[in-house]
């Protein structure tokens, strides 16, 4: 399996920090820099969006979850809407990341 590079999860105005996870100092996306105090809240703006279950792969993945158009994660659906979720999941397993990558490459963004 390919090693997965983990990047910082901070966002500012929708831009993702491009520095490595647990870096020191300011966050950065190209020429834009910001501190934790001015970062976007961790809750994804796609939380609560109307959604339908994503098309499953032959093995059933993503198991009834819907694709969030804001963060490109597969999120559980509650009464026709994406459940409240953060833009990234620090506890996401490498296996889940691999499955999501394969699903996105097969079914599109």
PDB file of N, CA and C in Angstrom:
ATOM      1  N   UNK A   1       0.836  -1.167   0.000  1.00  0.00           N
ATOM      2  CA  UNK A   1       0.000   0.000   0.000  1.00  0.00           C
ATOM      3  C   UNK A   1       0.889   1.240   0.000  1.00  0.00           C
ATOM      4  N   UNK A   2       0.436   2.280  -0.657  1.00  0.00           N
ATOM      5  CA  UNK A   2       1.157   3.542  -0.749  1.00  0.00           C
ATOM      6  C   UNK A   2       0.983   4.322   0.551  1.00  0.00           C
ATOM      7  N   UNK A   3       2.083   4.920   1.034  1.00  0.00           N
ATOM      8  CA  UNK A   3       1.978   5.765   2.225  1.00  0.00           C
ATOM      9  C   UNK A   3       1.123   6.982   1.914  1.00  0.00           C
ATOM     10  N   UNK A   4       0.291   7.355   2.842  1.00  0.00           N
ATOM     11  CA  UNK A   4      -0.591   8.509   2.672  1.00  0.00           C
ATOM     12  C   UNK A   4       0.024   9.681   3.415  1.00  0.00           C
ATOM     13  N   UNK A   5       0.224  10.781   2.702  1.00  0.00           N
ATOM     14  CA  UNK A   5       0.769  11.985   3.310  1.00  0.00           C
ATOM     15  C   UNK A   5      -0.358  12.694   4.055  1.00  0.00           C
ATOM     16  N   UNK A   6      -0.122  13.032   5.298  1.00  0.00           N
ATOM     17  CA  UNK A   6      -1.118  13.719   6.108  1.00  0.00           C
ATOM     18  C   UNK A   6      -0.786  15.208   6.159  1.00  0.00           C
ATOM     19  N   UNK A   7      -1.732  16.024   5.719  1.00  0.00           N
ATOM     20  CA  UNK A   7      -1.552  17.467   5.733  1.00  0.00           C
ATOM     21  C   UNK A   7      -2.344  18.079   6.875  1.00  0.00           C
ATOM     22  N   UNK A   8      -1.976  19.299   7.212  1.00  0.00           N
ATOM     23  CA  UNK A   8      -2.674  20.078   8.227  1.00  0.00           C
ATOM     24  C   UNK A   8      -4.147  20.186   7.839  1.00  0.00           C
ATOM     25  N   UNK A   9      -5.031  20.210   8.826  1.00  0.00           N
ATOM     26  CA  UNK A   9      -6.467  20.231   8.558  1.00  0.00           C
ATOM     27  C   UNK A   9      -7.073  21.626   8.653  1.00  0.00           C
ATOM     28  N   UNK A  10      -6.262  22.625   8.938  1.00  0.00           N
ATOM     29  CA  UNK A  10      -6.784  23.986   9.079  1.00  0.00           C
ATOM     30  C   UNK A  10      -7.216  24.545   7.724  1.00  0.00           C
ATOM     31  N   UNK A  11      -8.266  25.377   7.757  1.00  0.00           N
ATOM     32  CA  UNK A  11      -8.782  26.041   6.560  1.00  0.00           C
ATOM     33  C   UNK A  11      -9.017  27.513   6.860  1.00  0.00           C
ATOM     34  N   UNK A  12      -8.913  28.320   5.812  1.00  0.00           N
ATOM     35  CA  UNK A  12      -9.213  29.749   5.904  1.00  0.00           C
ATOM     36  C   UNK A  12      -9.899  30.148   4.613  1.00  0.00           C
ATOM     37  N   UNK A  13     -11.130  30.648   4.716  1.00  0.00           N
ATOM     38  CA  UNK A  13     -11.925  31.018   3.539  1.00  0.00           C
ATOM     39  C   UNK A  13     -12.000  29.863   2.540  1.00  0.00           C
ATOM     40  N   UNK A  14     -12.095  28.631   3.075  1.00  0.00           N
ATOM     41  CA  UNK A  14     -12.212  27.450   2.229  1.00  0.00           C
ATOM     42  C   UNK A  14     -10.894  26.898   1.718  1.00  0.00           C
ATOM     43  N   UNK A  15      -9.801  27.625   1.896  1.00  0.00           N
ATOM     44  CA  UNK A  15      -8.483  27.138   1.447  1.00  0.00           C
ATOM     45  C   UNK A  15      -7.915  26.195   2.497  1.00  0.00           C
ATOM     46  N   UNK A  16      -7.315  25.107   2.052  1.00  0.00           N
ATOM     47  CA  UNK A  16      -6.680  24.165   2.965  1.00  0.00           C
ATOM     48  C   UNK A  16      -5.224  24.537   3.172  1.00  0.00           C
ATOM     49  N   UNK A  17      -4.763  24.387   4.404  1.00  0.00           N
ATOM     50  CA  UNK A  17      -3.343  24.576   4.683  1.00  0.00           C
ATOM     51  C   UNK A  17      -2.569  23.481   3.962  1.00  0.00           C
ATOM     52  N   UNK A  18      -1.479  23.856   3.322  1.00  0.00           N
ATOM     53  CA  UNK A  18      -0.684  22.891   2.557  1.00  0.00           C
ATOM     54  C   UNK A  18       0.572  22.450   3.288  1.00  0.00           C
ATOM     55  N   UNK A  19       0.641  22.767   4.572  1.00  0.00           N
ATOM     56  CA  UNK A  19       1.793  22.335   5.360  1.00  0.00           C
ATOM     57  C   UNK A  19       1.500  20.965   5.974  1.00  0.00           C
ATOM     58  N   UNK A  20       2.547  20.286   6.419  1.00  0.00           N
ATOM     59  CA  UNK A  20       2.381  18.944   6.986  1.00  0.00           C
ATOM     60  C   UNK A  20       1.609  18.986   8.303  1.00  0.00           C
ATOM     61  N   UNK A  21       1.035  17.875   8.668  1.00  0.00           N
ATOM     62  CA  UNK A  21       0.268  17.756   9.897  1.00  0.00           C
ATOM     63  C   UNK A  21       1.157  18.069  11.094  1.00  0.00           C
ATOM     64  N   UNK A  22       0.631  18.795  12.061  1.00  0.00           N
ATOM     65  CA  UNK A  22       1.336  19.167  13.301  1.00  0.00           C
ATOM     66  C   UNK A  22       2.525  20.101  13.067  1.00  0.00           C
ATOM     67  N   UNK A  23       2.457  20.928  12.027  1.00  0.00           N
ATOM     68  CA  UNK A  23       3.547  21.880  11.765  1.00  0.00           C
ATOM     69  C   UNK A  23       3.550  22.987  12.813  1.00  0.00           C
ATOM     70  N   UNK A  24       4.664  23.680  12.907  1.00  0.00           N
ATOM     71  CA  UNK A  24       4.782  24.838  13.790  1.00  0.00           C
ATOM     72  C   UNK A  24       4.515  26.102  12.991  1.00  0.00           C
ATOM     73  N   UNK A  25       4.052  27.139  13.655  1.00  0.00           N
ATOM     74  CA  UNK A  25       3.901  28.441  13.011  1.00  0.00           C
ATOM     75  C   UNK A  25       2.587  28.601  12.264  1.00  0.00           C
ATOM     76  N   UNK A  26       2.577  29.604  11.386  1.00  0.00           N
ATOM     77  CA  UNK A  26       1.374  29.956  10.648  1.00  0.00           C
ATOM     78  C   UNK A  26       0.977  28.894   9.636  1.00  0.00           C
ATOM     79  N   UNK A  27      -0.315  28.868   9.336  1.00  0.00           N
ATOM     80  CA  UNK A  27      -0.827  28.006   8.272  1.00  0.00           C
ATOM     81  C   UNK A  27      -0.595  28.721   6.949  1.00  0.00           C
ATOM     82  N   UNK A  28      -0.518  27.960   5.861  1.00  0.00           N
ATOM     83  CA  UNK A  28      -0.218  28.559   4.566  1.00  0.00           C
ATOM     84  C   UNK A  28      -0.934  27.833   3.441  1.00  0.00           C
ATOM     85  N   UNK A  29      -1.464  28.601   2.497  1.00  0.00           N
ATOM     86  CA  UNK A  29      -1.960  28.095   1.220  1.00  0.00           C
ATOM     87  C   UNK A  29      -1.474  29.081   0.169  1.00  0.00           C
ATOM     88  N   UNK A  30      -0.486  28.671  -0.590  1.00  0.00           N
ATOM     89  CA  UNK A  30       0.190  29.568  -1.536  1.00  0.00           C
ATOM     90  C   UNK A  30       0.671  30.801  -0.788  1.00  0.00           C
ATOM     91  N   UNK A  31       0.262  32.004  -1.171  1.00  0.00           N
ATOM     92  CA  UNK A  31       0.739  33.228  -0.517  1.00  0.00           C
ATOM     93  C   UNK A  31      -0.122  33.644   0.662  1.00  0.00           C
ATOM     94  N   UNK A  32      -1.219  32.955   0.927  1.00  0.00           N
ATOM     95  CA  UNK A  32      -2.119  33.310   2.023  1.00  0.00           C
ATOM     96  C   UNK A  32      -1.666  32.586   3.292  1.00  0.00           C
ATOM     97  N   UNK A  33      -1.529  33.356   4.376  1.00  0.00           N
ATOM     98  CA  UNK A  33      -1.125  32.775   5.655  1.00  0.00           C
ATOM     99  C   UNK A  33      -2.131  33.182   6.727  1.00  0.00           C
ATOM    100  N   UNK A  34      -2.319  32.313   7.740  1.00  0.00           N
ATOM    101  CA  UNK A  34      -3.256  32.623   8.823  1.00  0.00           C
ATOM    102  C   UNK A  34      -2.866  31.882  10.098  1.00  0.00           C
ATOM    103  N   UNK A  35      -3.383  32.398  11.214  1.00  0.00           N
ATOM    104  CA  UNK A  35      -3.172  31.795  12.528  1.00  0.00           C
ATOM    105  C   UNK A  35      -4.402  30.977  12.901  1.00  0.00           C
ATOM    106  N   UNK A  36      -4.273  30.131  13.915  1.00  0.00           N
ATOM    107  CA  UNK A  36      -5.407  29.324  14.378  1.00  0.00           C
ATOM    108  C   UNK A  36      -6.600  30.200  14.760  1.00  0.00           C
ATOM    109  N   UNK A  37      -6.327  31.373  15.326  1.00  0.00           N
ATOM    110  CA  UNK A  37      -7.405  32.250  15.796  1.00  0.00           C
ATOM    111  C   UNK A  37      -8.297  32.746  14.662  1.00  0.00           C
ATOM    112  N   UNK A  38      -7.779  32.804  13.444  1.00  0.00           N
ATOM    113  CA  UNK A  38      -8.579  33.314  12.320  1.00  0.00           C
ATOM    114  C   UNK A  38      -8.990  32.215  11.344  1.00  0.00           C
ATOM    115  N   UNK A  39      -8.729  30.966  11.701  1.00  0.00           N
ATOM    116  CA  UNK A  39      -9.079  29.839  10.827  1.00  0.00           C
ATOM    117  C   UNK A  39     -10.594  29.630  10.772  1.00  0.00           C
ATOM    118  N   UNK A  40     -11.058  29.011   9.708  1.00  0.00           N
ATOM    119  CA  UNK A  40     -12.465  28.631   9.595  1.00  0.00           C
ATOM    120  C   UNK A  40     -12.797  27.627  10.698  1.00  0.00           C
ATOM    121  N   UNK A  41     -14.060  27.574  11.158  1.00  0.00           N
ATOM    122  CA  UNK A  41     -14.433  26.538  12.128  1.00  0.00           C
ATOM    123  C   UNK A  41     -14.280  25.161  11.479  1.00  0.00           C
ATOM    124  N   UNK A  42     -14.041  24.129  12.290  1.00  0.00           N
ATOM    125  CA  UNK A  42     -13.823  22.798  11.703  1.00  0.00           C
ATOM    126  C   UNK A  42     -15.060  22.186  11.052  1.00  0.00           C
ATOM    127  N   UNK A  43     -16.264  22.636  11.446  1.00  0.00           N
ATOM    128  CA  UNK A  43     -17.486  22.068  10.876  1.00  0.00           C
ATOM    129  C   UNK A  43     -17.562  22.382   9.389  1.00  0.00           C
ATOM    130  N   UNK A  44     -17.791  21.360   8.590  1.00  0.00           N
ATOM    131  CA  UNK A  44     -17.856  21.511   7.131  1.00  0.00           C
ATOM    132  C   UNK A  44     -19.104  22.299   6.741  1.00  0.00           C
ATOM    133  N   UNK A  45     -18.967  23.258   5.810  1.00  0.00           N
ATOM    134  CA  UNK A  45     -20.150  23.995   5.355  1.00  0.00           C
ATOM    135  C   UNK A  45     -21.148  23.113   4.597  1.00  0.00           C
ATOM    136  N   UNK A  46     -20.738  21.894   4.228  1.00  0.00           N
ATOM    137  CA  UNK A  46     -21.644  20.965   3.557  1.00  0.00           C
ATOM    138  C   UNK A  46     -22.546  20.200   4.520  1.00  0.00           C
ATOM    139  N   UNK A  47     -22.338  20.356   5.821  1.00  0.00           N
ATOM    140  CA  UNK A  47     -23.194  19.699   6.813  1.00  0.00           C
ATOM    141  C   UNK A  47     -24.639  20.126   6.602  1.00  0.00           C
ATOM    142  N   UNK A  48     -25.543  19.171   6.565  1.00  0.00           N
ATOM    143  CA  UNK A  48     -26.958  19.468   6.408  1.00  0.00           C
ATOM    144  C   UNK A  48     -27.417  19.627   4.974  1.00  0.00           C
ATOM    145  N   UNK A  49     -26.508  19.501   4.011  1.00  0.00           N
ATOM    146  CA  UNK A  49     -26.898  19.626   2.604  1.00  0.00           C
ATOM    147  C   UNK A  49     -27.758  18.440   2.185  1.00  0.00           C
ATOM    148  N   UNK A  50     -28.693  18.692   1.291  1.00  0.00           N
ATOM    149  CA  UNK A  50     -29.528  17.614   0.750  1.00  0.00           C
ATOM    150  C   UNK A  50     -28.614  16.618   0.058  1.00  0.00           C
ATOM    151  N   UNK A  51     -28.838  15.333   0.297  1.00  0.00           N
ATOM    152  CA  UNK A  51     -27.956  14.311  -0.270  1.00  0.00           C
ATOM    153  C   UNK A  51     -28.709  13.012  -0.500  1.00  0.00           C
ATOM    154  N   UNK A  52     -28.158  12.223  -1.392  1.00  0.00           N
ATOM    155  CA  UNK A  52     -28.655  10.870  -1.653  1.00  0.00           C
ATOM    156  C   UNK A  52     -27.478   9.925  -1.496  1.00  0.00           C
ATOM    157  N   UNK A  53     -27.740   8.653  -1.223  1.00  0.00           N
ATOM    158  CA  UNK A  53     -26.634   7.708  -1.122  1.00  0.00           C
ATOM    159  C   UNK A  53     -25.812   7.678  -2.415  1.00  0.00           C
ATOM    160  N   UNK A  54     -24.502   7.665  -2.262  1.00  0.00           N
ATOM    161  CA  UNK A  54     -23.598   7.616  -3.411  1.00  0.00           C
ATOM    162  C   UNK A  54     -23.688   6.239  -4.075  1.00  0.00           C
ATOM    163  N   UNK A  55     -23.399   6.213  -5.357  1.00  0.00           N
ATOM    164  CA  UNK A  55     -23.425   4.947  -6.102  1.00  0.00           C
ATOM    165  C   UNK A  55     -22.415   3.983  -5.489  1.00  0.00           C
ATOM    166  N   UNK A  56     -22.846   2.772  -5.139  1.00  0.00           N
ATOM    167  CA  UNK A  56     -21.919   1.845  -4.481  1.00  0.00           C
ATOM    168  C   UNK A  56     -20.987   1.147  -5.462  1.00  0.00           C
ATOM    169  N   UNK A  57     -19.824   0.787  -4.949  1.00  0.00           N
ATOM    170  CA  UNK A  57     -18.892  -0.076  -5.666  1.00  0.00           C
ATOM    171  C   UNK A  57     -19.414  -1.506  -5.553  1.00  0.00           C
ATOM    172  N   UNK A  58     -18.864  -2.458  -6.308  1.00  0.00           N
ATOM    173  CA  UNK A  58     -19.336  -3.841  -6.220  1.00  0.00           C
ATOM    174  C   UNK A  58     -19.292  -4.427  -4.803  1.00  0.00           C
ATOM    175  N   UNK A  59     -18.363  -3.937  -3.966  1.00  0.00           N
ATOM    176  CA  UNK A  59     -18.274  -4.452  -2.595  1.00  0.00           C
ATOM    177  C   UNK A  59     -19.210  -3.723  -1.623  1.00  0.00           C
ATOM    178  N   UNK A  60     -19.997  -2.743  -2.130  1.00  0.00           N
ATOM    179  CA  UNK A  60     -20.948  -2.027  -1.295  1.00  0.00           C
ATOM    180  C   UNK A  60     -20.471  -0.682  -0.784  1.00  0.00           C
ATOM    181  N   UNK A  61     -19.173  -0.402  -0.887  1.00  0.00           N
ATOM    182  CA  UNK A  61     -18.650   0.884  -0.430  1.00  0.00           C
ATOM    183  C   UNK A  61     -19.282   1.997  -1.256  1.00  0.00           C
ATOM    184  N   UNK A  62     -19.740   3.039  -0.703  1.00  0.00           N
ATOM    185  CA  UNK A  62     -19.570   3.627   0.627  1.00  0.00           C
ATOM    186  C   UNK A  62     -20.699   3.323   1.612  1.00  0.00           C
ATOM    187  N   UNK A  63     -21.393   2.225   1.399  1.00  0.00           N
ATOM    188  CA  UNK A  63     -22.355   1.715   2.379  1.00  0.00           C
ATOM    189  C   UNK A  63     -23.444   2.719   2.751  1.00  0.00           C
ATOM    190  N   UNK A  64     -24.041   3.349   1.739  1.00  0.00           N
ATOM    191  CA  UNK A  64     -25.174   4.233   1.948  1.00  0.00           C
ATOM    192  C   UNK A  64     -24.832   5.665   2.311  1.00  0.00           C
ATOM    193  N   UNK A  65     -23.572   5.983   2.387  1.00  0.00           N
ATOM    194  CA  UNK A  65     -23.191   7.360   2.712  1.00  0.00           C
ATOM    195  C   UNK A  65     -23.269   8.234   1.463  1.00  0.00           C
ATOM    196  N   UNK A  66     -23.350   9.536   1.671  1.00  0.00           N
ATOM    197  CA  UNK A  66     -23.423  10.489   0.567  1.00  0.00           C
ATOM    198  C   UNK A  66     -22.138  11.278   0.438  1.00  0.00           C
ATOM    199  N   UNK A  67     -21.842  11.733  -0.774  1.00  0.00           N
ATOM    200  CA  UNK A  67     -20.638  12.516  -1.034  1.00  0.00           C
ATOM    201  C   UNK A  67     -20.893  13.976  -0.689  1.00  0.00           C
ATOM    202  N   UNK A  68     -20.058  14.524   0.176  1.00  0.00           N
ATOM    203  CA  UNK A  68     -20.129  15.951   0.501  1.00  0.00           C
ATOM    204  C   UNK A  68     -19.354  16.706  -0.572  1.00  0.00           C
ATOM    205  N   UNK A  69     -20.006  17.645  -1.233  1.00  0.00           N
ATOM    206  CA  UNK A  69     -19.383  18.425  -2.310  1.00  0.00           C
ATOM    207  C   UNK A  69     -18.406  19.465  -1.781  1.00  0.00           C
ATOM    208  N   UNK A  70     -18.440  19.734  -0.492  1.00  0.00           N
ATOM    209  CA  UNK A  70     -17.533  20.726   0.088  1.00  0.00           C
ATOM    210  C   UNK A  70     -16.185  20.120   0.479  1.00  0.00           C
ATOM    211  N   UNK A  71     -16.214  18.944   1.116  1.00  0.00           N
ATOM    212  CA  UNK A  71     -14.970  18.358   1.630  1.00  0.00           C
ATOM    213  C   UNK A  71     -14.578  17.048   0.953  1.00  0.00           C
ATOM    214  N   UNK A  72     -15.397  16.557   0.037  1.00  0.00           N
ATOM    215  CA  UNK A  72     -15.134  15.310  -0.711  1.00  0.00           C
ATOM    216  C   UNK A  72     -15.021  14.091   0.188  1.00  0.00           C
ATOM    217  N   UNK A  73     -15.712  14.122   1.333  1.00  0.00           N
ATOM    218  CA  UNK A  73     -15.774  12.948   2.195  1.00  0.00           C
ATOM    219  C   UNK A  73     -17.123  12.284   2.021  1.00  0.00           C
ATOM    220  N   UNK A  74     -17.209  11.011   2.346  1.00  0.00           N
ATOM    221  CA  UNK A  74     -18.454  10.256   2.289  1.00  0.00           C
ATOM    222  C   UNK A  74     -19.045  10.243   3.697  1.00  0.00           C
ATOM    223  N   UNK A  75     -20.223  10.839   3.824  1.00  0.00           N
ATOM    224  CA  UNK A  75     -20.818  11.162   5.114  1.00  0.00           C
ATOM    225  C   UNK A  75     -22.156  10.440   5.278  1.00  0.00           C
ATOM    226  N   UNK A  76     -22.468   9.967   6.486  1.00  0.00           N
ATOM    227  CA  UNK A  76     -23.783   9.361   6.719  1.00  0.00           C
ATOM    228  C   UNK A  76     -24.913  10.353   6.404  1.00  0.00           C
ATOM    229  N   UNK A  77     -26.016   9.809   5.939  1.00  0.00           N
ATOM    230  CA  UNK A  77     -27.183  10.625   5.596  1.00  0.00           C
ATOM    231  C   UNK A  77     -28.239  10.439   6.673  1.00  0.00           C
ATOM    232  N   UNK A  78     -28.780  11.570   7.147  1.00  0.00           N
ATOM    233  CA  UNK A  78     -29.837  11.561   8.163  1.00  0.00           C
ATOM    234  C   UNK A  78     -31.037  12.308   7.587  1.00  0.00           C
ATOM    235  N   UNK A  79     -32.119  11.606   7.386  1.00  0.00           N
ATOM    236  CA  UNK A  79     -33.364  12.162   6.827  1.00  0.00           C
ATOM    237  C   UNK A  79     -33.119  12.995   5.565  1.00  0.00           C
ATOM    238  N   UNK A  80     -32.358  12.414   4.629  1.00  0.00           N
ATOM    239  CA  UNK A  80     -32.140  13.044   3.331  1.00  0.00           C
ATOM    240  C   UNK A  80     -31.094  14.144   3.307  1.00  0.00           C
ATOM    241  N   UNK A  81     -30.383  14.337   4.401  1.00  0.00           N
ATOM    242  CA  UNK A  81     -29.353  15.381   4.467  1.00  0.00           C
ATOM    243  C   UNK A  81     -28.070  14.805   5.052  1.00  0.00           C
ATOM    244  N   UNK A  82     -26.927  15.411   4.651  1.00  0.00           N
ATOM    245  CA  UNK A  82     -25.655  14.974   5.212  1.00  0.00           C
ATOM    246  C   UNK A  82     -25.617  15.289   6.703  1.00  0.00           C
ATOM    247  N   UNK A  83     -25.137  14.343   7.474  1.00  0.00           N
ATOM    248  CA  UNK A  83     -24.995  14.557   8.917  1.00  0.00           C
ATOM    249  C   UNK A  83     -23.970  15.660   9.161  1.00  0.00           C
ATOM    250  N   UNK A  84     -24.072  16.297  10.304  1.00  0.00           N
ATOM    251  CA  UNK A  84     -23.086  17.304  10.680  1.00  0.00           C
ATOM    252  C   UNK A  84     -21.719  16.635  10.787  1.00  0.00           C
ATOM    253  N   UNK A  85     -20.718  17.262  10.176  1.00  0.00           N
ATOM    254  CA  UNK A  85     -19.381  16.678  10.167  1.00  0.00           C
ATOM    255  C   UNK A  85     -18.334  17.761  10.017  1.00  0.00           C
ATOM    256  N   UNK A  86     -17.098  17.425  10.398  1.00  0.00           N
ATOM    257  CA  UNK A  86     -15.975  18.330  10.212  1.00  0.00           C
ATOM    258  C   UNK A  86     -15.425  18.159   8.806  1.00  0.00           C
ATOM    259  N   UNK A  87     -14.687  19.163   8.352  1.00  0.00           N
ATOM    260  CA  UNK A  87     -14.127  19.127   7.000  1.00  0.00           C
ATOM    261  C   UNK A  87     -13.107  18.015   6.821  1.00  0.00           C
ATOM    262  N   UNK A  88     -12.508  17.563   7.910  1.00  0.00           N
ATOM    263  CA  UNK A  88     -11.578  16.438   7.848  1.00  0.00           C
ATOM    264  C   UNK A  88     -11.724  15.621   9.124  1.00  0.00           C
ATOM    265  N   UNK A  89     -11.231  14.408   9.082  1.00  0.00           N
ATOM    266  CA  UNK A  89     -11.356  13.496  10.212  1.00  0.00           C
ATOM    267  C   UNK A  89      -9.963  13.017  10.600  1.00  0.00           C
ATOM    268  N   UNK A  90      -9.456  13.529  11.712  1.00  0.00           N
ATOM    269  CA  UNK A  90      -8.112  13.156  12.159  1.00  0.00           C
ATOM    270  C   UNK A  90      -8.008  11.666  12.460  1.00  0.00           C
ATOM    271  N   UNK A  91      -9.124  11.035  12.794  1.00  0.00           N
ATOM    272  CA  UNK A  91      -9.116   9.617  13.128  1.00  0.00           C
ATOM    273  C   UNK A  91      -9.380   8.688  11.951  1.00  0.00           C
ATOM    274  N   UNK A  92      -9.474   9.255  10.747  1.00  0.00           N
ATOM    275  CA  UNK A  92      -9.758   8.425   9.576  1.00  0.00           C
ATOM    276  C   UNK A  92      -8.622   7.443   9.325  1.00  0.00           C
ATOM    277  N   UNK A  93      -8.972   6.184   9.128  1.00  0.00           N
ATOM    278  CA  UNK A  93      -7.951   5.155   8.926  1.00  0.00           C
ATOM    279  C   UNK A  93      -7.356   5.235   7.525  1.00  0.00           C
ATOM    280  N   UNK A  94      -6.137   4.750   7.354  1.00  0.00           N
ATOM    281  CA  UNK A  94      -5.548   4.697   6.012  1.00  0.00           C
ATOM    282  C   UNK A  94      -6.401   3.855   5.058  1.00  0.00           C
ATOM    283  N   UNK A  95      -7.074   2.829   5.584  1.00  0.00           N
ATOM    284  CA  UNK A  95      -7.926   1.990   4.744  1.00  0.00           C
ATOM    285  C   UNK A  95      -9.110   2.778   4.195  1.00  0.00           C
ATOM    286  N   UNK A  96      -9.747   3.598   5.059  1.00  0.00           N
ATOM    287  CA  UNK A  96     -10.870   4.425   4.614  1.00  0.00           C
ATOM    288  C   UNK A  96     -10.399   5.426   3.559  1.00  0.00           C
ATOM    289  N   UNK A  97      -9.239   6.015   3.774  1.00  0.00           N
ATOM    290  CA  UNK A  97      -8.685   6.964   2.800  1.00  0.00           C
ATOM    291  C   UNK A  97      -8.461   6.270   1.459  1.00  0.00           C
ATOM    292  N   UNK A  98      -7.924   5.055   1.489  1.00  0.00           N
ATOM    293  CA  UNK A  98      -7.678   4.299   0.267  1.00  0.00           C
ATOM    294  C   UNK A  98      -8.988   3.976  -0.454  1.00  0.00           C
ATOM    295  N   UNK A  99     -10.014   3.510   0.302  1.00  0.00           N
ATOM    296  CA  UNK A  99     -11.303   3.178  -0.303  1.00  0.00           C
ATOM    297  C   UNK A  99     -11.948   4.405  -0.927  1.00  0.00           C
ATOM    298  N   UNK A 100     -11.877   5.547  -0.206  1.00  0.00           N
ATOM    299  CA  UNK A 100     -12.476   6.774  -0.738  1.00  0.00           C
ATOM    300  C   UNK A 100     -11.751   7.215  -2.009  1.00  0.00           C
ATOM    301  N   UNK A 101     -10.427   7.128  -2.004  1.00  0.00           N
ATOM    302  CA  UNK A 101      -9.649   7.502  -3.195  1.00  0.00           C
ATOM    303  C   UNK A 101     -10.039   6.628  -4.380  1.00  0.00           C
ATOM    304  N   UNK A 102     -10.131   5.319  -4.174  1.00  0.00           N
ATOM    305  CA  UNK A 102     -10.529   4.415  -5.255  1.00  0.00           C
ATOM    306  C   UNK A 102     -11.945   4.710  -5.731  1.00  0.00           C
ATOM    307  N   UNK A 103     -12.851   4.984  -4.785  1.00  0.00           N
ATOM    308  CA  UNK A 103     -14.233   5.275  -5.159  1.00  0.00           C
ATOM    309  C   UNK A 103     -14.298   6.560  -5.985  1.00  0.00           C
ATOM    310  N   UNK A 104     -13.618   7.620  -5.536  1.00  0.00           N
ATOM    311  CA  UNK A 104     -13.626   8.881  -6.266  1.00  0.00           C
ATOM    312  C   UNK A 104     -13.012   8.735  -7.654  1.00  0.00           C
ATOM    313  N   UNK A 105     -11.953   7.953  -7.774  1.00  0.00           N
ATOM    314  CA  UNK A 105     -11.333   7.747  -9.083  1.00  0.00           C
ATOM    315  C   UNK A 105     -12.226   6.933 -10.018  1.00  0.00           C
ATOM    316  N   UNK A 106     -13.081   6.084  -9.459  1.00  0.00           N
ATOM    317  CA  UNK A 106     -13.990   5.279 -10.279  1.00  0.00           C
ATOM    318  C   UNK A 106     -15.272   6.024 -10.616  1.00  0.00           C
ATOM    319  N   UNK A 107     -15.846   6.707  -9.634  1.00  0.00           N
ATOM    320  CA  UNK A 107     -17.171   7.332  -9.790  1.00  0.00           C
ATOM    321  C   UNK A 107     -17.116   8.828 -10.050  1.00  0.00           C
ATOM    322  N   UNK A 108     -15.977   9.424  -9.882  1.00  0.00           N
ATOM    323  CA  UNK A 108     -15.835  10.855 -10.155  1.00  0.00           C
ATOM    324  C   UNK A 108     -16.092  11.710  -8.944  1.00  0.00           C
ATOM    325  N   UNK A 109     -15.721  12.970  -9.093  1.00  0.00           N
ATOM    326  CA  UNK A 109     -15.830  13.947  -8.016  1.00  0.00           C
ATOM    327  C   UNK A 109     -17.155  14.596  -8.122  1.00  0.00           C
TER     328      UNK A 109
END
